[in-house]
Amino acid sequence: MRVEAYNAVSQLYKSNSNSVSAVKKAGNAYSFSDKLEISHTANSYHTARAAVNSASDVRMDKVASIKAQMEAGTYSISSEAVADKILDDAQTIVF
């Protein structure tokens, strides 16, 4: 997850999260009422964040499959694929 994107969404969420209604005058007294409105964007952000938080960081089915392959001696990995992944990841963090 890119931190810049998270910060941008977080700022958007904070700026659109609430609004305060106007002050109402009832006779000689003033009545204040607060009103909280969550924007559609904020609701979408909250739903997406909840889904990410509830997801497991470890895919146990994948771990079990690789573990079984390693125990059977059939697990092999392409060094070119590893190198390509490293280079792809490095390109995303280069300024």
Protein backbone atom coordinates (compact mmCIF):
# COMPACT_ATOMS: atom_id res chain seq x y z
CA MET A 1 0.00 0.00 0.00
CA ARG A 2 1.37 3.39 -0.94
CA VAL A 3 1.56 5.82 1.96
CA GLU A 4 0.97 8.89 -0.22
CA ALA A 5 -2.34 7.51 -1.49
CA TYR A 6 -3.42 6.60 2.04
CA ASN A 7 -2.61 10.11 3.30
CA ALA A 8 -4.52 11.73 0.44
CA VAL A 9 -7.60 9.61 1.10
CA SER A 10 -7.30 10.21 4.83
CA GLN A 11 -7.21 14.00 4.32
CA LEU A 12 -10.23 13.80 2.02
CA TYR A 13 -12.06 11.77 4.64
CA LYS A 14 -11.27 14.30 7.36
CA SER A 15 -12.29 17.33 5.29
CA ASN A 16 -15.65 15.84 4.25
CA SER A 17 -16.54 14.10 7.49
CA ASN A 18 -18.81 16.61 9.16
CA SER A 19 -20.71 19.85 8.82
CA VAL A 20 -22.38 22.07 11.43
CA SER A 21 -25.83 23.48 10.83
CA ALA A 22 -26.65 27.14 11.38
CA VAL A 23 -27.56 28.66 14.73
CA LYS A 24 -31.32 28.95 15.22
CA LYS A 25 -32.97 31.68 17.27
CA ALA A 26 -36.01 30.64 19.27
CA GLY A 27 -37.46 33.70 21.05
CA ASN A 28 -34.71 35.24 23.20
CA ALA A 29 -32.67 32.03 23.38
CA TYR A 30 -30.33 30.60 20.81
CA SER A 31 -30.52 26.97 19.94
CA PHE A 32 -27.44 25.20 18.62
CA SER A 33 -27.66 21.93 16.83
CA ASP A 34 -24.84 19.93 15.40
CA LYS A 35 -25.29 17.76 12.41
CA LEU A 36 -22.89 15.11 11.22
CA GLU A 37 -22.97 14.11 7.58
CA ILE A 38 -20.71 11.42 6.23
CA SER A 39 -20.05 11.84 2.52
CA HIS A 40 -20.38 9.02 0.04
CA THR A 41 -16.61 9.12 -0.47
CA ALA A 42 -16.02 8.77 3.26
CA ASN A 43 -18.45 5.86 3.46
CA SER A 44 -16.66 4.14 0.59
CA TYR A 45 -13.31 4.77 2.27
CA HIS A 46 -14.60 3.35 5.55
CA THR A 47 -15.96 0.23 3.82
CA ALA A 48 -12.70 -0.35 1.96
CA ARG A 49 -10.61 0.17 5.07
CA ALA A 50 -12.78 -2.24 7.08
CA ALA A 51 -12.40 -4.87 4.36
CA VAL A 52 -8.62 -4.48 4.33
CA ASN A 53 -8.43 -4.64 8.13
CA SER A 54 -10.53 -7.80 8.27
CA ALA A 55 -8.48 -9.58 5.58
CA SER A 56 -5.75 -11.93 6.72
CA ASP A 57 -2.17 -10.94 5.99
CA VAL A 58 -1.24 -14.58 5.38
CA ARG A 59 -2.89 -16.72 2.73
CA MET A 60 -2.84 -20.05 4.53
CA ASP A 61 -3.96 -22.02 1.47
CA LYS A 62 -0.94 -20.75 -0.46
CA VAL A 63 1.39 -21.44 2.49
CA ALA A 64 0.09 -25.01 2.81
CA SER A 65 0.52 -25.62 -0.92
CA ILE A 66 4.12 -24.37 -0.96
CA LYS A 67 4.96 -26.25 2.23
CA ALA A 68 3.65 -29.49 0.69
CA GLN A 69 5.67 -28.89 -2.48
CA MET A 70 8.82 -28.23 -0.43
CA GLU A 71 8.35 -31.41 1.60
CA ALA A 72 7.81 -33.39 -1.62
CA GLY A 73 10.89 -31.79 -3.21
CA THR A 74 8.90 -30.45 -6.16
CA TYR A 75 8.99 -26.77 -5.28
CA SER A 76 11.02 -24.74 -7.74
CA ILE A 77 11.25 -21.04 -8.33
CA SER A 78 12.55 -19.11 -11.29
CA SER A 79 15.46 -16.83 -10.42
CA GLU A 80 14.49 -14.63 -13.38
CA ALA A 81 10.99 -14.19 -11.96
CA VAL A 82 12.45 -13.19 -8.58
CA ALA A 83 14.82 -10.71 -10.23
CA ASP A 84 11.98 -9.22 -12.29
CA LYS A 85 9.85 -8.75 -9.17
CA ILE A 86 12.74 -7.09 -7.31
CA LEU A 87 13.31 -4.68 -10.20
CA ASP A 88 9.58 -3.90 -10.49
CA ASP A 89 9.40 -3.13 -6.76
CA ALA A 90 12.57 -1.01 -6.92
CA GLN A 91 11.11 1.09 -9.74
CA THR A 92 8.10 2.04 -7.62
CA ILE A 93 10.24 3.43 -4.79
CA VAL A 94 12.81 5.32 -6.89
CA PHE A 95 12.16 9.05 -6.72
